[in-house]
């Protein structure tokens, strides 16, 4: 007898989420402007506040799908920019963007990335990677921190000295360690919560400026 009540409860919460999503002003504005998700406004705010964009940059977008951050990069960096969108899943193509499908830890994917960058390194790496949520808070937090660490490791390898990184993180266990790891590699590090992030979310972005030279 409990199963119908359980389904009703799930439907109730699903409808509440859908109503909130459809009434979200950031979602409506993203739809109006043709962005693939509300996340576009997070990158726009971060880029303006921390002066991340320059015409003609080489940029890698980790976990790019569905592509809203890639859209912002294409829109703001001009025709001379080299933009590589990297993800495990397919993404609808965008003009002037190179899409590399696969896990950025795999050698064949890294070879494709190197070719896409034309043999040079990137000026900016952005990562909006987030784990698939299990509903177990401690496990989800650990996965999120691990993804952040992977993004930092990737940036340390693939950025030009002086390059910048934007990486998603979630406040909680492991976050201070991740922040210290970013600080180890970059001259300045800021924790930012864009206006388009939901108030109840523990989501923040670490904006890291100036990759330290290892030479």
Protein backbone atom coordinates (compact mmCIF):
# COMPACT_ATOMS: atom_id res chain seq x y z
CA UNK A 1 0.00 0.00 0.00
CA UNK A 2 2.97 2.31 0.48
CA UNK A 3 4.03 2.29 -3.16
CA UNK A 4 1.27 4.59 -4.56
CA UNK A 5 1.98 7.12 -1.78
CA UNK A 6 5.69 6.98 -2.56
CA UNK A 7 5.03 7.59 -6.26
CA UNK A 8 2.71 10.48 -5.39
CA UNK A 9 5.40 12.01 -3.22
CA UNK A 10 7.98 11.71 -5.99
CA UNK A 11 5.57 13.23 -8.50
CA UNK A 12 4.87 16.09 -6.12
CA UNK A 13 8.54 16.93 -5.74
CA UNK A 14 9.16 16.48 -9.47
CA UNK A 15 6.36 18.89 -10.31
CA UNK A 16 7.66 21.39 -7.74
CA UNK A 17 11.13 21.25 -9.32
CA UNK A 18 9.70 21.66 -12.83
CA UNK A 19 7.55 24.63 -11.77
CA UNK A 20 10.53 26.27 -10.09
CA UNK A 21 12.74 25.61 -13.13
CA UNK A 22 10.25 27.04 -15.61
CA UNK A 23 9.67 30.10 -13.44
CA UNK A 24 13.37 30.71 -12.89
CA UNK A 25 14.25 34.12 -14.39
CA UNK A 26 17.70 32.86 -15.42
CA UNK A 27 16.12 29.97 -17.32
CA UNK A 28 13.71 32.32 -19.07
CA UNK A 29 16.52 34.70 -19.98
CA UNK A 30 18.69 31.86 -21.27
CA UNK A 31 15.81 30.73 -23.47
CA UNK A 32 15.28 34.28 -24.74
CA UNK A 33 18.95 34.72 -25.65
CA UNK A 34 19.37 31.24 -27.12
CA UNK A 35 21.74 29.84 -24.50
CA UNK A 36 21.51 26.12 -23.90
CA UNK A 37 21.29 26.50 -20.12
CA UNK A 38 21.21 29.09 -17.35
CA UNK A 39 24.85 28.23 -16.59
CA UNK A 40 25.88 30.67 -19.34
CA UNK A 41 25.25 33.57 -16.97
CA UNK A 42 27.62 32.12 -14.37
CA UNK A 43 30.54 32.21 -16.78
CA UNK A 44 29.56 35.63 -18.09
CA UNK A 45 29.65 37.07 -14.57
CA UNK A 46 32.91 35.36 -13.63
CA UNK A 47 34.60 36.45 -16.85
CA UNK A 48 33.60 40.08 -16.37
CA UNK A 49 34.52 40.21 -12.70
CA UNK A 50 37.91 38.54 -13.07
CA UNK A 51 38.83 39.66 -16.59
CA UNK A 52 39.17 36.18 -17.99
CA UNK A 53 38.57 36.82 -21.67
CA UNK A 54 40.88 38.20 -24.36
CA UNK A 55 40.30 38.06 -28.11
CA UNK A 56 42.11 35.24 -29.84
CA UNK A 57 42.60 33.04 -26.77
CA UNK A 58 42.96 29.26 -26.80
CA UNK A 59 40.43 27.76 -24.37
CA UNK A 60 39.50 24.26 -23.25
CA UNK A 61 35.98 23.73 -21.89
CA UNK A 62 35.94 20.54 -19.76
CA UNK A 63 32.60 18.82 -19.39
CA UNK A 64 31.22 21.14 -22.02
CA UNK A 65 27.80 19.56 -22.73
CA UNK A 66 25.17 20.83 -23.27
CA UNK A 67 27.34 23.73 -24.44
CA UNK A 68 26.21 26.96 -22.78
CA UNK A 69 29.72 27.84 -21.59
CA UNK A 70 31.06 27.02 -25.05
CA UNK A 71 28.45 29.36 -26.53
CA UNK A 72 29.67 32.17 -24.26
CA UNK A 73 33.29 31.53 -25.24
CA UNK A 74 32.45 31.55 -28.96
CA UNK A 75 30.38 34.73 -28.56
CA UNK A 76 32.91 36.71 -26.51
CA UNK A 77 36.33 35.66 -27.80
CA UNK A 78 35.98 36.42 -31.50
CA UNK A 79 36.81 34.55 -34.67
CA UNK A 80 40.53 34.27 -33.89
CA UNK A 81 39.97 32.20 -30.75
CA UNK A 82 40.61 28.47 -30.63
CA UNK A 83 37.92 26.78 -28.53
CA UNK A 84 37.96 23.08 -27.68
CA UNK A 85 34.88 21.55 -26.06
CA UNK A 86 35.66 18.26 -24.34
CA UNK A 87 33.07 15.86 -22.92
CA UNK A 88 32.23 12.20 -22.53
CA UNK A 89 28.90 12.67 -24.27
CA UNK A 90 27.77 14.09 -27.59
CA UNK A 91 27.06 17.79 -27.85
CA UNK A 92 25.21 19.61 -30.60
CA UNK A 93 27.90 21.29 -32.73
CA UNK A 94 28.70 24.98 -32.56
CA UNK A 95 30.32 26.89 -35.44
CA UNK A 96 34.02 27.47 -34.93
CA UNK A 97 34.29 25.05 -31.99
CA UNK A 98 36.32 21.83 -32.00
CA UNK A 99 34.52 19.04 -30.14
CA UNK A 100 36.60 16.23 -28.65
CA UNK A 101 34.56 13.36 -27.26
CA UNK A 102 35.99 11.18 -24.51
CA UNK A 103 37.63 11.05 -21.10
CA UNK A 104 40.38 13.67 -20.77
CA UNK A 105 42.49 11.17 -18.81
CA UNK A 106 42.77 8.82 -21.82
CA UNK A 107 45.89 9.04 -23.97
CA UNK A 108 44.00 8.99 -27.28
CA UNK A 109 41.76 11.83 -26.14
CA UNK A 110 44.77 13.85 -25.00
CA UNK A 111 46.38 13.31 -28.40
CA UNK A 112 43.20 14.60 -30.06
CA UNK A 113 43.21 17.57 -27.70
CA UNK A 114 46.83 18.39 -28.51
CA UNK A 115 46.01 18.30 -32.22
CA UNK A 116 42.95 20.49 -31.65
CA UNK A 117 45.09 23.06 -29.85
CA UNK A 118 47.53 23.12 -32.76
CA UNK A 119 50.46 21.91 -30.69
CA UNK A 120 50.30 24.80 -28.22
CA UNK A 121 48.88 25.08 -24.74
CA UNK A 122 45.71 26.82 -23.60
CA UNK A 123 45.36 30.31 -22.14
CA UNK A 124 42.25 29.38 -20.18
CA UNK A 125 40.67 26.16 -18.91
CA UNK A 126 37.07 26.21 -17.69
CA UNK A 127 35.36 23.30 -15.96
CA UNK A 128 31.70 23.05 -15.01
CA UNK A 129 32.08 19.33 -14.27
CA UNK A 130 29.72 17.88 -11.67
CA UNK A 131 29.06 14.26 -10.66
CA UNK A 132 25.88 12.37 -11.30
CA UNK A 133 24.16 12.65 -7.93
CA UNK A 134 23.45 9.52 -5.94
CA UNK A 135 21.57 11.28 -3.15
CA UNK A 136 24.23 10.20 -0.63
CA UNK A 137 25.69 13.55 0.35
CA UNK A 138 29.12 12.35 1.50
CA UNK A 139 29.63 10.26 -1.65
CA UNK A 140 28.45 13.05 -3.95
CA UNK A 141 30.76 15.55 -2.24
CA UNK A 142 33.73 13.21 -2.57
CA UNK A 143 33.01 12.74 -6.29
CA UNK A 144 32.69 16.49 -6.81
CA UNK A 145 36.02 17.15 -5.08
CA UNK A 146 37.66 14.43 -7.17
CA UNK A 147 36.40 16.00 -10.39
CA UNK A 148 37.76 19.35 -9.21
CA UNK A 149 41.14 17.77 -8.53
CA UNK A 150 41.18 16.22 -11.99
CA UNK A 151 40.41 19.60 -13.55
CA UNK A 152 43.25 21.24 -11.60
CA UNK A 153 45.64 18.47 -12.62
CA UNK A 154 44.57 18.90 -16.25
CA UNK A 155 45.02 22.69 -16.10
CA UNK A 156 48.48 22.42 -14.56
CA UNK A 157 49.51 20.28 -17.52
CA UNK A 158 47.73 22.02 -20.37
CA UNK A 159 47.85 25.73 -19.51
CA UNK A 160 50.52 28.16 -20.59
CA UNK A 161 52.42 29.70 -17.66
CA UNK A 162 50.31 32.64 -16.53
CA UNK A 163 47.11 30.99 -17.77
CA UNK A 164 43.83 30.95 -15.85
CA UNK A 165 41.40 28.31 -14.60
CA UNK A 166 37.72 28.31 -13.60
CA UNK A 167 36.58 25.15 -11.81
CA UNK A 168 33.28 24.24 -10.17
CA UNK A 169 33.40 23.14 -6.54
CA UNK A 170 30.99 22.48 -3.71
CA UNK A 171 31.53 23.75 -0.20
CA UNK A 172 31.81 20.94 2.32
CA UNK A 173 34.23 18.19 3.24
CA UNK A 174 37.31 18.26 1.03
CA UNK A 175 36.68 21.76 -0.32
CA UNK A 176 39.47 23.45 1.72
CA UNK A 177 41.94 20.82 0.46
CA UNK A 178 40.87 21.44 -3.13
CA UNK A 179 41.24 25.19 -2.63
CA UNK A 180 44.76 24.72 -1.24
CA UNK A 181 45.66 22.53 -4.21
CA UNK A 182 44.55 25.27 -6.60
CA UNK A 183 46.53 27.85 -4.59
CA UNK A 184 49.62 25.67 -4.92
CA UNK A 185 49.53 26.05 -8.69
CA UNK A 186 48.22 29.61 -9.21
CA UNK A 187 49.25 33.08 -8.10
CA UNK A 188 45.75 34.23 -7.08
CA UNK A 189 42.65 32.18 -6.27
CA UNK A 190 39.14 33.46 -5.56
CA UNK A 191 36.01 31.60 -4.47
CA UNK A 192 33.01 33.08 -6.30
CA UNK A 193 29.29 32.40 -6.16
CA UNK A 194 27.66 33.87 -9.27
CA UNK A 195 24.19 35.36 -9.02
CA UNK A 196 22.85 32.66 -11.34
CA UNK A 197 23.81 29.94 -8.83
CA UNK A 198 20.81 28.93 -6.77
CA UNK A 199 20.86 30.32 -3.24
CA UNK A 200 20.37 26.93 -1.60
CA UNK A 201 23.19 25.34 -3.59
CA UNK A 202 26.65 24.84 -2.07
CA UNK A 203 28.08 25.42 -5.54
CA UNK A 204 30.94 27.88 -5.87
CA UNK A 205 33.57 28.47 -8.53
CA UNK A 206 37.29 28.72 -7.90
CA UNK A 207 38.76 31.32 -10.24
CA UNK A 208 42.53 30.84 -10.42
CA UNK A 209 44.71 33.48 -12.03
CA UNK A 210 48.24 33.05 -13.24
CA UNK A 211 49.52 29.48 -13.47
CA UNK A 212 52.90 29.39 -11.75
CA UNK A 213 55.86 28.49 -13.89
CA UNK A 214 57.47 25.17 -13.02
CA UNK A 215 60.75 26.20 -14.61
